[in-house]
Amino acid sequence: MKQRADQANQKSASYRGKAPYFRVRRSLFKKYLIFGISILLTSFIALSVTMYIFVNQYWEEQKKKSLLDNAHKVAEAITTYSYIIPSVHSLVIDDHSPVGITVGSISKSLDADILITDNKGVCLYCSENDDCIHKTRTFPSKVLLETTPGEYFSSGTLDGYYSDNRYTAGVPIVLESESSPSAFCYVTTKATFLSGLPVTFLHIFLTAAAVMLIIIIIFVAVMSYSMTKPLKQMSSAAKKFAVGDFSVRVNVTSDDEIGELANAFNYMADSLASSEGMRRSFISNVSHELKTPMTTIAGFIDGMLDGTIPPERHDHYMKIVSTEVKRLSRLVTSMLNLSRIDRGELKVNRQKFDMFSLIITILASYEQKIIARKLHITGLEDFRSIVVDADPDLMYQVVYNLIENAVKFTNEGGTIHFGVEETRYDVSISISNTGPGIPPEDIRYVFDRFYKTDKSRSIDKKGMGLGLFIAKTIMRLHGGDIYVDSRVNEFTTFTIRLPKTVQQNPEPERKQNQQFVEATVDNEIEE
């Protein structure tokens, strides 16, 4: 039983793994195709029925007009001939008589039978000649009554007078010597629908409709396939993403919603690939940053314990060990803070303080590096007291990170410029530095987690690509923002905008905060 259950679970797992593909390949495509063909067939049937009814009515009207016109011609011919006969019963119609010639030509041209009856319904003449079976039958009295007022037309068997359905048109015959109908003329033809011109018309219609139906079915099939193909590609790509392969992209061949979805999918793939690359870089950087101080600490302590380091040098190396321990402590504390931000638990403790004093304090901590690299600081002479309502510790972290990056990436002998712009509602502080700049294709990523413009670590050897990401998050927690502008080999400018009015701490966006998981900072403060 257990073995059977395991086999069932394996089959179920295998099916679940293949289900999305089959659902796209067999289900969605089939639904599109069946739906499209169903609409086409329904439309075709509706059009065919409509055309059938229309042609039937049109053909019946044409038949009615033709049969009635010819019935009147026969009646007129008999009326004209009536002056030489005492009564209708004396009427003789043969192939050589005037009436016979008229009746014969009409019968042949219409492929119709012509009957002449008296007012009692007795058949006096039938164009079927020897084959006629109507001379022994009495015409239905109901039909005679309906014909008496003027004209009669119907389709059917005439109450069983004929064995098949026929179109029948009749008119009364009034002789010159009489005032009421003495006889009736009926012209009948088989009610074979769709003969003659309608048959040709319908044949053309059906042929064209069949060809169009085949073409449209092929078109629907191609369209359905083209719509489901990107979905299959996305399904296949998603499976590769699941195993860490982010190199697959979906071909975008249209500008419709499917194309927009494919573009969004490719954008997601680019983001995932970038995040994965930065994550790997982050793990490598964190491993290096943790390993280096721990190796240093272990080496110095072991040296003091085994006597390699003389006692008189212990104080010196203990200070180094203390520095490295504090560095590790800052890394761990930063990770904990980022975890709090991710959970939305970081609070902004607002208080009024002077941003100018904060900038001067941070610059003072970099005095030796600024002097050593012969950097020029400009713009501070235009500053005045800038009182803001914000969290001084968090703002210290933001400004410290920006100044640290400026000092780090400014070319030797270059310039770091500070600018301020104050409005009624907010204050903007910019920090610009000359140097290599940021490539245009990297501008969009500078505020992403783990991103480093110096991928070779030739300049930024300690950073882990989180400083600017954290800075942007802190600014958004304050209701402000941070921007970047740069030109390669010329300058880079970061601008922070901070509103003057006191706002409630906005809840961190979940979408942004998810990026803080397992993160740390790259702006360790030098002591």
Protein backbone atom coordinates (compact mmCIF):
# COMPACT_ATOMS: atom_id res chain seq x y z
CA MET A 1 0.00 0.00 0.00
CA LYS A 2 2.79 2.38 0.89
CA GLN A 3 4.52 1.64 -2.40
CA ARG A 4 1.32 2.36 -4.32
CA ALA A 5 0.84 5.61 -2.40
CA ASP A 6 4.40 6.68 -3.23
CA GLN A 7 3.82 5.91 -6.90
CA ALA A 8 0.58 7.89 -6.85
CA ASN A 9 2.33 10.83 -5.23
CA GLN A 10 5.08 10.71 -7.84
CA LYS A 11 2.53 10.67 -10.65
CA SER A 12 0.63 13.51 -9.03
CA ALA A 13 3.80 15.57 -8.66
CA SER A 14 4.75 14.82 -12.26
CA TYR A 15 1.31 15.89 -13.43
CA ARG A 16 1.43 19.07 -11.37
CA GLY A 17 4.79 19.89 -12.90
CA LYS A 18 3.42 19.43 -16.41
CA ALA A 19 -0.05 20.84 -15.79
CA PRO A 20 0.70 24.48 -16.69
CA TYR A 21 2.24 23.46 -20.01
CA PHE A 22 -0.62 21.15 -20.97
CA ARG A 23 -3.13 23.72 -19.81
CA VAL A 24 -1.64 26.25 -22.19
CA ARG A 25 -0.95 23.90 -25.07
CA ARG A 26 -4.12 21.83 -25.05
CA SER A 27 -6.69 23.74 -23.05
CA LEU A 28 -6.25 27.41 -23.84
CA PHE A 29 -5.43 26.91 -27.51
CA LYS A 30 -8.33 24.49 -27.87
CA LYS A 31 -10.71 26.91 -26.18
CA TYR A 32 -9.66 29.77 -28.44
CA LEU A 33 -10.00 27.59 -31.53
CA ILE A 34 -13.35 26.06 -30.57
CA PHE A 35 -14.72 29.44 -29.50
CA GLY A 36 -13.66 31.09 -32.76
CA ILE A 37 -14.97 28.28 -34.96
CA SER A 38 -18.24 28.16 -33.00
CA ILE A 39 -18.83 31.86 -33.60
CA LEU A 40 -18.02 31.44 -37.28
CA LEU A 41 -20.30 28.44 -37.71
CA THR A 42 -23.10 30.15 -35.80
CA SER A 43 -22.73 33.25 -37.96
CA PHE A 44 -22.58 31.15 -41.11
CA ILE A 45 -25.70 29.18 -40.17
CA ALA A 46 -27.58 32.36 -39.23
CA LEU A 47 -26.54 33.98 -42.50
CA SER A 48 -27.50 30.86 -44.47
CA VAL A 49 -30.95 30.70 -42.86
CA THR A 50 -31.47 34.41 -43.47
CA MET A 51 -30.41 34.06 -47.09
CA TYR A 52 -32.62 30.99 -47.47
CA ILE A 53 -35.68 32.81 -46.19
CA PHE A 54 -34.89 35.90 -48.24
CA VAL A 55 -34.31 33.97 -51.46
CA ASN A 56 -37.39 31.84 -50.82
CA GLN A 57 -39.58 34.88 -50.36
CA TYR A 58 -38.02 36.64 -53.31
CA TRP A 59 -38.38 33.61 -55.54
CA GLU A 60 -41.97 33.05 -54.45
CA GLU A 61 -42.84 36.66 -55.20
CA GLN A 62 -41.24 36.38 -58.61
CA LYS A 63 -43.11 33.15 -59.30
CA LYS A 64 -46.39 34.70 -58.16
CA LYS A 65 -45.95 37.71 -60.43
CA SER A 66 -44.91 35.57 -63.40
CA LEU A 67 -47.72 33.04 -63.01
CA LEU A 68 -50.39 35.69 -62.48
CA ASP A 69 -49.20 37.71 -65.47
CA ASN A 70 -49.38 34.67 -67.72
CA ALA A 71 -52.74 33.61 -66.27
CA HIS A 72 -54.07 37.04 -67.24
CA LYS A 73 -52.66 36.58 -70.75
CA VAL A 74 -54.48 33.28 -71.18
CA ALA A 75 -57.69 34.78 -69.77
CA GLU A 76 -57.42 37.76 -72.14
CA ALA A 77 -56.85 35.43 -75.09
CA ILE A 78 -59.95 33.39 -74.20
CA THR A 79 -62.01 36.54 -73.63
CA THR A 80 -60.94 37.84 -77.03
CA TYR A 81 -61.87 34.53 -78.65
CA SER A 82 -65.21 34.33 -76.84
CA TYR A 83 -67.12 36.35 -79.48
CA ILE A 84 -67.21 33.35 -81.82
CA ILE A 85 -68.33 30.80 -79.22
CA PRO A 86 -71.77 30.74 -77.59
CA SER A 87 -70.40 29.61 -74.21
CA VAL A 88 -67.24 28.54 -72.55
CA HIS A 89 -68.20 24.91 -72.97
CA SER A 90 -67.92 25.41 -76.71
CA LEU A 91 -64.27 26.45 -76.33
CA VAL A 92 -61.93 24.36 -78.47
CA ILE A 93 -58.18 24.78 -77.88
CA ASP A 94 -55.71 23.10 -80.23
CA ASP A 95 -52.17 23.83 -81.38
CA HIS A 96 -53.41 25.88 -84.31
CA SER A 97 -56.01 28.04 -82.62
CA PRO A 98 -55.08 31.50 -81.28
CA VAL A 99 -55.76 30.42 -77.75
CA GLY A 100 -53.85 27.18 -78.26
CA ILE A 101 -50.80 29.04 -79.54
CA THR A 102 -50.85 31.37 -76.50
CA VAL A 103 -51.38 28.55 -74.03
CA GLY A 104 -48.70 26.40 -75.62
CA SER A 105 -46.03 29.11 -75.61
CA ILE A 106 -46.75 30.02 -71.98
CA SER A 107 -46.76 26.40 -70.86
CA LYS A 108 -43.41 25.71 -72.51
CA SER A 109 -41.71 28.93 -71.35
CA LEU A 110 -42.73 28.44 -67.71
CA ASP A 111 -42.65 24.63 -67.71
CA ALA A 112 -46.13 24.99 -66.27
CA ASP A 113 -49.52 23.33 -66.57
CA ILE A 114 -52.48 25.44 -67.60
CA LEU A 115 -55.99 24.44 -66.58
CA ILE A 116 -59.27 26.00 -67.62
CA THR A 117 -62.35 25.11 -65.61
CA ASP A 118 -65.94 26.21 -65.70
CA ASN A 119 -67.55 27.96 -62.76
CA LYS A 120 -68.42 24.56 -61.29
CA GLY A 121 -64.85 23.39 -61.23
CA VAL A 122 -65.12 20.97 -64.15
CA CYS A 123 -61.86 20.87 -66.12
CA LEU A 124 -62.45 22.10 -69.68
CA TYR A 125 -58.82 22.10 -70.74
CA CYS A 126 -55.46 20.90 -69.39
CA SER A 127 -52.12 21.44 -71.09
CA GLU A 128 -50.94 18.00 -69.99
CA ASN A 129 -53.00 16.55 -72.83
CA ASP A 130 -53.01 12.75 -72.76
CA ASP A 131 -51.25 12.58 -69.39
CA CYS A 132 -53.91 14.72 -67.75
CA ILE A 133 -55.74 13.11 -64.86
CA HIS A 134 -57.62 16.26 -63.89
CA LYS A 135 -60.43 16.07 -66.45
CA THR A 136 -62.17 13.55 -64.25
CA ARG A 137 -61.73 15.63 -61.11
CA THR A 138 -63.59 18.66 -59.87
CA PHE A 139 -61.49 21.66 -58.93
CA PRO A 140 -61.80 22.54 -55.20
CA SER A 141 -64.74 24.90 -54.66
CA LYS A 142 -62.80 26.76 -51.99
CA VAL A 143 -60.19 27.73 -54.57
CA LEU A 144 -62.89 28.80 -57.02
CA LEU A 145 -64.46 31.10 -54.43
CA GLU A 146 -61.10 32.70 -53.60
CA THR A 147 -60.40 33.23 -57.29
CA THR A 148 -63.75 34.85 -58.10
CA PRO A 149 -62.87 38.34 -56.69
CA GLY A 150 -59.90 38.74 -58.99
CA GLU A 151 -56.65 36.82 -58.34
CA TYR A 152 -55.56 33.70 -56.52
CA PHE A 153 -52.11 32.41 -55.58
CA SER A 154 -50.98 29.60 -53.29
CA SER A 155 -48.37 26.91 -52.84
CA GLY A 156 -49.40 23.38 -51.98
CA THR A 157 -51.49 20.52 -53.30
CA LEU A 158 -54.73 22.49 -53.65
CA ASP A 159 -56.56 20.33 -51.11
CA GLY A 160 -55.24 17.13 -52.71
CA TYR A 161 -56.01 18.10 -56.30
CA TYR A 162 -52.30 17.59 -57.02
CA SER A 163 -50.09 14.89 -55.60
CA ASP A 164 -47.11 17.24 -55.16
CA ASN A 165 -46.57 20.80 -53.98
CA ARG A 166 -47.11 23.39 -56.66
CA TYR A 167 -47.26 27.12 -57.13
CA THR A 168 -50.72 27.93 -58.45
CA ALA A 169 -51.98 31.24 -59.82
CA GLY A 170 -55.54 31.72 -61.00
CA VAL A 171 -57.74 34.43 -62.49
CA PRO A 172 -61.46 34.49 -63.44
CA ILE A 173 -62.57 34.51 -67.09
CA VAL A 174 -65.54 36.73 -67.85
CA LEU A 175 -66.95 36.37 -71.36
CA GLU A 176 -68.29 39.46 -73.11
CA SER A 177 -71.81 38.09 -73.06
CA GLU A 178 -71.77 37.44 -69.31
CA SER A 179 -71.30 39.58 -66.18
CA SER A 180 -69.92 36.95 -63.80
CA PRO A 181 -67.04 34.53 -64.21
CA SER A 182 -67.92 31.79 -66.61
CA ALA A 183 -64.63 30.01 -66.20
CA PHE A 184 -61.29 30.17 -64.40
CA CYS A 185 -57.72 29.92 -65.68
CA TYR A 186 -55.06 28.38 -63.46
CA VAL A 187 -51.33 28.27 -64.20
CA THR A 188 -49.42 25.82 -62.01
CA THR A 189 -45.77 24.84 -61.75
CA LYS A 190 -43.93 22.52 -59.44
CA ALA A 191 -42.88 24.26 -56.23
CA THR A 192 -39.27 23.16 -56.63
CA PHE A 193 -37.45 25.76 -54.57
CA LEU A 194 -34.05 26.99 -55.64
CA SER A 195 -34.34 26.26 -59.31
CA GLY A 196 -32.95 28.39 -62.04
CA LEU A 197 -31.31 31.62 -60.96
CA PRO A 198 -31.69 31.01 -57.18
CA VAL A 199 -29.82 27.72 -57.54
CA THR A 200 -26.94 29.48 -59.26
CA PHE A 201 -27.00 32.24 -56.68
CA LEU A 202 -27.02 29.81 -53.76
CA HIS A 203 -24.28 27.73 -55.34
CA ILE A 204 -22.07 30.80 -55.60
CA PHE A 205 -22.92 31.82 -52.05
CA LEU A 206 -22.22 28.38 -50.59
CA THR A 207 -18.95 28.05 -52.47
CA ALA A 208 -17.75 31.49 -51.36
CA ALA A 209 -18.92 30.84 -47.79
CA ALA A 210 -17.14 27.48 -47.66
CA VAL A 211 -13.90 29.00 -48.93
CA MET A 212 -14.15 31.88 -46.47
CA LEU A 213 -14.96 29.47 -43.66
CA ILE A 214 -11.83 27.45 -44.37
CA ILE A 215 -9.71 30.61 -44.58
CA ILE A 216 -11.17 32.00 -41.34
CA ILE A 217 -10.67 28.67 -39.53
CA ILE A 218 -7.01 28.72 -40.57
CA PHE A 219 -6.78 32.37 -39.52
CA VAL A 220 -8.36 31.64 -36.13
CA ALA A 221 -6.01 28.69 -35.64
CA VAL A 222 -2.96 30.85 -36.46
CA MET A 223 -4.21 33.67 -34.23
CA SER A 224 -4.92 31.25 -31.38
CA TYR A 225 -1.46 29.75 -31.75
CA SER A 226 0.19 33.18 -31.87
CA MET A 227 -1.70 34.20 -28.71
CA THR A 228 -0.81 31.05 -26.78
CA LYS A 229 2.79 30.78 -27.97
CA PRO A 230 4.07 33.61 -25.72
CA LEU A 231 2.17 32.05 -22.82
CA LYS A 232 3.91 28.74 -23.44
CA GLN A 233 7.23 30.57 -23.60
CA MET A 234 6.44 32.27 -20.29
CA SER A 235 5.54 28.92 -18.75
CA SER A 236 8.80 27.40 -19.95
CA ALA A 237 10.80 30.43 -18.81
CA ALA A 238 9.15 30.41 -15.38
CA LYS A 239 10.25 26.80 -14.89
CA LYS A 240 13.81 27.79 -15.75
CA PHE A 241 13.59 30.71 -13.33
CA ALA A 242 12.63 28.21 -10.65
CA VAL A 243 16.00 26.47 -11.05
CA GLY A 244 18.00 29.71 -11.18
CA ASP A 245 18.31 30.24 -14.94
CA PHE A 246 17.31 33.85 -15.64
CA SER A 247 18.73 34.05 -19.17
CA VAL A 248 15.48 33.14 -20.96
CA ARG A 249 13.39 35.88 -22.53
CA VAL A 250 10.04 35.88 -24.32
CA ASN A 251 9.95 37.08 -27.92
CA VAL A 252 7.70 40.13 -28.23
CA THR A 253 5.98 40.14 -31.62
CA SER A 254 2.92 42.32 -31.02
CA ASP A 255 1.80 45.56 -29.39
CA ASP A 256 -1.42 44.20 -27.91
CA GLU A 257 -2.14 42.99 -24.37
CA ILE A 258 -0.18 39.75 -24.97
CA GLY A 259 2.81 41.80 -26.13
CA GLU A 260 2.45 44.06 -23.09
CA LEU A 261 2.38 40.98 -20.85
CA ALA A 262 5.48 39.61 -22.60
CA ASN A 263 7.27 42.93 -22.09
CA ALA A 264 6.30 42.90 -18.41
CA PHE A 265 7.54 39.32 -18.12
CA ASN A 266 10.88 40.23 -19.73
CA TYR A 267 11.16 43.22 -17.42
CA MET A 268 10.53 40.92 -14.47
CA ALA A 269 13.20 38.55 -15.80
CA ASP A 270 15.69 41.42 -16.06
CA SER A 271 14.88 42.48 -12.50
CA LEU A 272 15.21 38.92 -11.22
CA ALA A 273 18.50 38.45 -13.04
CA SER A 274 19.81 41.74 -11.69
CA SER A 275 18.63 40.93 -8.16
CA GLU A 276 20.17 37.47 -8.35
CA GLY A 277 23.49 38.89 -9.53
CA MET A 278 23.45 41.52 -6.80
CA ARG A 279 22.44 38.91 -4.21
CA ARG A 280 25.40 36.76 -5.11
CA SER A 281 27.66 39.78 -5.00
CA PHE A 282 26.17 40.71 -1.62
CA ILE A 283 26.81 37.25 -0.19
CA SER A 284 30.39 37.41 -1.45
CA ASN A 285 30.88 40.89 0.00
CA VAL A 286 29.32 40.02 3.34
CA SER A 287 31.42 36.89 3.57
CA HIS A 288 34.52 38.95 2.90
CA GLU A 289 33.54 41.69 5.35
CA LEU A 290 32.85 39.18 8.10
CA LYS A 291 35.84 36.97 7.41
CA THR A 292 38.45 39.77 7.35
CA PRO A 293 37.85 41.21 10.86
CA MET A 294 37.30 37.77 12.35
CA THR A 295 40.59 36.57 10.88
CA THR A 296 42.32 39.69 12.19
CA ILE A 297 40.82 39.27 15.68
CA ALA A 298 41.67 35.56 15.83
CA GLY A 299 45.24 36.17 14.62
CA PHE A 300 46.02 38.89 17.12
CA ILE A 301 44.45 37.06 20.07
CA ASP A 302 46.29 33.85 19.22
CA GLY A 303 49.52 35.83 18.89
CA MET A 304 49.07 37.32 22.34
CA LEU A 305 48.14 33.98 23.89
CA ASP A 306 51.09 32.04 22.47
CA GLY A 307 53.56 34.84 23.17
CA THR A 308 54.26 35.76 19.56
CA ILE A 309 53.21 39.30 20.34
CA PRO A 310 55.21 40.68 23.27
CA PRO A 311 53.27 42.03 26.28
CA GLU A 312 54.38 45.59 25.66
CA ARG A 313 52.55 45.49 22.27
CA HIS A 314 49.32 44.04 23.66
CA ASP A 315 47.63 47.43 24.11
CA HIS A 316 48.30 48.37 20.50
CA TYR A 317 46.84 45.16 19.11
CA MET A 318 43.94 45.15 21.54
CA LYS A 319 42.90 48.53 20.15
CA ILE A 320 42.91 47.00 16.67
CA VAL A 321 40.86 44.06 17.93
CA SER A 322 38.43 46.49 19.59
CA THR A 323 38.03 48.39 16.33
CA GLU A 324 37.29 45.20 14.41
CA VAL A 325 34.81 44.03 17.06
CA LYS A 326 32.97 47.34 16.82
CA ARG A 327 32.95 47.00 13.05
CA LEU A 328 31.33 43.57 13.33
CA SER A 329 28.88 44.97 15.86
CA ARG A 330 27.86 47.67 13.43
CA LEU A 331 27.28 45.11 10.70
CA VAL A 332 25.06 42.99 12.93
CA THR A 333 23.19 46.05 14.23
CA SER A 334 22.59 47.22 10.67
CA MET A 335 21.17 43.84 9.75
CA LEU A 336 18.80 44.00 12.71
CA ASN A 337 17.74 47.53 11.76
CA LEU A 338 17.07 46.45 8.20
CA SER A 339 14.97 43.59 9.49
CA ARG A 340 12.94 46.09 11.50
CA ILE A 341 12.47 48.25 8.41
CA ASP A 342 11.36 45.22 6.45
CA ARG A 343 8.70 44.47 9.06
CA GLY A 344 7.62 48.12 9.16
CA GLU A 345 8.72 48.52 12.76
CA LEU A 346 11.26 51.32 12.27
CA LYS A 347 9.96 54.55 13.79
CA VAL A 348 11.04 58.04 12.83
CA ASN A 349 11.76 60.03 15.99
CA ARG A 350 11.32 63.55 14.71
CA GLN A 351 12.94 66.57 16.29
CA LYS A 352 14.12 69.91 15.05
CA PHE A 353 17.84 70.16 14.27
CA ASP A 354 20.23 72.03 11.99
CA MET A 355 21.16 70.13 8.81
CA PHE A 356 24.09 72.49 8.19
CA SER A 357 25.68 71.53 11.50
CA LEU A 358 25.13 67.85 10.62
CA ILE A 359 26.96 68.30 7.31
CA ILE A 360 29.88 70.10 8.99
CA THR A 361 30.18 67.36 11.62
CA ILE A 362 30.33 64.61 8.99
CA LEU A 363 32.83 66.55 6.86
CA ALA A 364 35.04 66.97 9.92
CA SER A 365 35.26 63.18 10.26
CA TYR A 366 36.65 63.04 6.73
CA GLU A 367 39.07 65.92 7.16
CA GLN A 368 42.19 63.78 6.92
CA LYS A 369 41.04 62.00 3.76
CA ILE A 370 39.99 65.27 2.16
CA ILE A 371 43.38 66.81 2.87
CA ALA A 372 45.27 63.68 1.79
CA ARG A 373 43.49 63.57 -1.56
CA LYS A 374 43.66 67.36 -2.01
CA LEU A 375 39.89 67.67 -2.49
CA HIS A 376 38.20 71.05 -2.77
CA ILE A 377 34.99 71.69 -0.81
CA THR A 378 32.76 74.40 -2.28
CA GLY A 379 29.27 75.78 -1.76
CA LEU A 380 29.24 75.81 2.05
CA GLU A 381 29.76 79.56 2.08
CA ASP A 382 26.24 79.93 0.69
CA PHE A 383 24.71 77.82 3.46
CA ARG A 384 22.93 79.14 6.49
CA SER A 385 21.13 77.44 9.32
CA ILE A 386 18.72 74.85 7.86
CA VAL A 387 16.33 73.71 10.56
CA VAL A 388 14.36 70.60 9.67
CA ASP A 389 11.95 68.36 11.53
CA ALA A 390 13.31 64.83 11.08
CA ASP A 391 15.10 61.97 12.79
CA PRO A 392 18.69 63.21 13.29
CA ASP A 393 20.17 59.70 13.56
CA LEU A 394 18.56 58.50 10.34
CA MET A 395 19.42 61.72 8.49
CA TYR A 396 22.99 61.39 9.76
CA GLN A 397 23.11 57.97 8.11
CA VAL A 398 21.82 59.36 4.80
CA VAL A 399 24.15 62.37 4.65
CA TYR A 400 27.11 60.31 5.90
CA ASN A 401 26.59 57.81 3.11
CA LEU A 402 26.41 60.51 0.43
CA ILE A 403 29.52 62.34 1.71
CA GLU A 404 31.40 59.04 2.07
CA ASN A 405 30.62 58.15 -1.56
CA ALA A 406 31.59 61.66 -2.71
CA VAL A 407 34.98 61.46 -0.94
CA LYS A 408 35.49 57.91 -2.14
CA PHE A 409 34.76 58.49 -5.84
CA THR A 410 36.05 62.05 -6.37
CA ASN A 411 39.21 62.12 -8.46
CA GLU A 412 42.34 63.29 -6.62
CA GLY A 413 42.42 67.08 -6.60
CA GLY A 414 38.73 67.14 -7.58
CA THR A 415 35.83 69.10 -6.13
CA ILE A 416 32.91 68.29 -3.85
CA HIS A 417 30.19 70.92 -4.09
CA PHE A 418 27.28 71.41 -1.68
CA GLY A 419 24.11 73.16 -2.77
CA VAL A 420 20.88 74.06 -1.01
CA GLU A 421 17.48 75.13 -2.33
CA GLU A 422 14.74 76.05 0.06
CA THR A 423 11.06 76.58 -0.78
CA ARG A 424 7.97 77.19 1.29
CA TYR A 425 7.22 73.50 1.52
CA ASP A 426 10.55 71.66 1.43
CA VAL A 427 14.33 71.92 1.40
CA SER A 428 16.66 70.24 -1.10
CA ILE A 429 20.35 69.60 -0.42
CA SER A 430 22.64 68.46 -3.23
CA ILE A 431 26.09 66.91 -2.97
CA SER A 432 28.08 66.89 -6.22
CA ASN A 433 31.51 65.49 -6.93
CA THR A 434 33.77 65.36 -9.95
CA GLY A 435 35.00 61.97 -11.01
CA PRO A 436 34.18 58.93 -13.14
CA GLY A 437 30.42 59.39 -12.91
CA ILE A 438 27.77 56.71 -13.35
CA PRO A 439 27.05 55.12 -16.75
CA PRO A 440 23.56 55.97 -18.10
CA GLU A 441 22.58 52.30 -18.19
CA ASP A 442 23.35 52.01 -14.45
CA ILE A 443 21.42 55.09 -13.29
CA ARG A 444 18.19 53.12 -12.88
CA TYR A 445 19.88 50.62 -10.57
CA VAL A 446 21.86 52.87 -8.18
CA PHE A 447 19.14 52.76 -5.52
CA ASP A 448 18.62 48.99 -5.81
CA ARG A 449 19.82 46.73 -3.03
CA PHE A 450 23.28 45.17 -3.41
CA TYR A 451 24.06 47.34 -6.43
CA LYS A 452 27.63 48.63 -6.82
CA THR A 453 28.80 50.86 -9.66
CA ASP A 454 32.37 49.84 -8.89
CA LYS A 455 31.92 46.18 -9.72
CA SER A 456 35.68 45.60 -9.77
CA ARG A 457 35.98 46.77 -6.12
CA SER A 458 39.07 48.77 -7.15
CA ILE A 459 37.74 51.92 -5.43
CA ASP A 460 34.90 50.74 -3.23
CA LYS A 461 36.49 47.78 -1.48
CA LYS A 462 34.31 47.73 1.65
CA GLY A 463 30.87 48.63 0.38
CA MET A 464 28.20 46.04 -0.18
CA GLY A 465 25.79 48.06 -2.32
CA LEU A 466 23.18 48.92 0.29
CA GLY A 467 23.96 52.48 1.33
CA LEU A 468 21.96 54.29 -1.35
CA PHE A 469 19.13 51.80 -1.07
CA ILE A 470 18.85 52.46 2.65
CA ALA A 471 19.19 56.20 2.11
CA LYS A 472 16.27 56.22 -0.32
CA THR A 473 14.15 54.19 2.08
CA ILE A 474 14.91 56.54 4.96
CA MET A 475 14.02 59.56 2.86
CA ARG A 476 10.70 58.00 1.91
CA LEU A 477 10.01 57.27 5.56
CA HIS A 478 10.32 61.03 6.09
CA GLY A 479 7.99 61.78 3.16
CA GLY A 480 10.90 62.97 1.03
CA ASP A 481 13.02 61.44 -1.72
CA ILE A 482 16.50 61.22 -3.19
CA TYR A 483 17.57 61.73 -6.81
CA VAL A 484 20.72 61.24 -8.87
CA ASP A 485 22.15 62.96 -11.94
CA SER A 486 25.46 62.01 -13.51
CA ARG A 487 27.66 62.31 -16.57
CA VAL A 488 30.44 59.85 -17.24
CA ASN A 489 33.90 61.27 -16.49
CA GLU A 490 32.40 64.58 -15.40
CA PHE A 491 30.27 64.61 -12.25
CA THR A 492 27.71 62.88 -10.06
CA THR A 493 25.05 64.77 -8.07
CA PHE A 494 22.81 63.33 -5.37
CA THR A 495 19.93 65.50 -4.15
CA ILE A 496 17.84 64.82 -1.07
CA ARG A 497 14.46 66.51 -0.68
CA LEU A 498 12.95 66.83 2.79
CA PRO A 499 9.51 68.36 3.47
CA LYS A 500 9.38 71.09 6.09
CA THR A 501 5.97 70.19 7.48
CA VAL A 502 5.61 67.48 10.08
CA GLN A 503 4.01 64.36 8.65
CA GLN A 504 2.90 61.10 10.16
CA ASN A 505 5.38 58.35 9.63
CA PRO A 506 4.24 56.73 6.38
CA GLU A 507 4.06 52.99 6.56
CA PRO A 508 6.95 51.61 4.49
CA GLU A 509 5.81 50.23 1.20
CA ARG A 510 5.77 46.46 1.38
CA LYS A 511 7.15 46.26 -2.08
CA GLN A 512 10.19 48.27 -1.05
CA ASN A 513 10.62 46.67 2.33
CA GLN A 514 10.78 43.17 0.93
CA GLN A 515 14.15 44.12 -0.48
CA PHE A 516 15.68 44.41 2.97
CA VAL A 517 15.66 40.70 3.80
CA GLU A 518 19.12 39.44 4.76
CA ALA A 519 20.59 42.88 3.99
CA THR A 520 23.35 44.89 5.62
CA VAL A 521 24.92 48.29 5.17
CA ASP A 522 28.04 49.44 3.41
CA ASN A 523 28.56 52.74 5.19
CA GLU A 524 30.53 51.66 8.26
CA ILE A 525 31.36 54.74 10.31
CA GLU A 526 35.08 55.15 10.92
CA GLU A 527 35.99 55.91 14.47
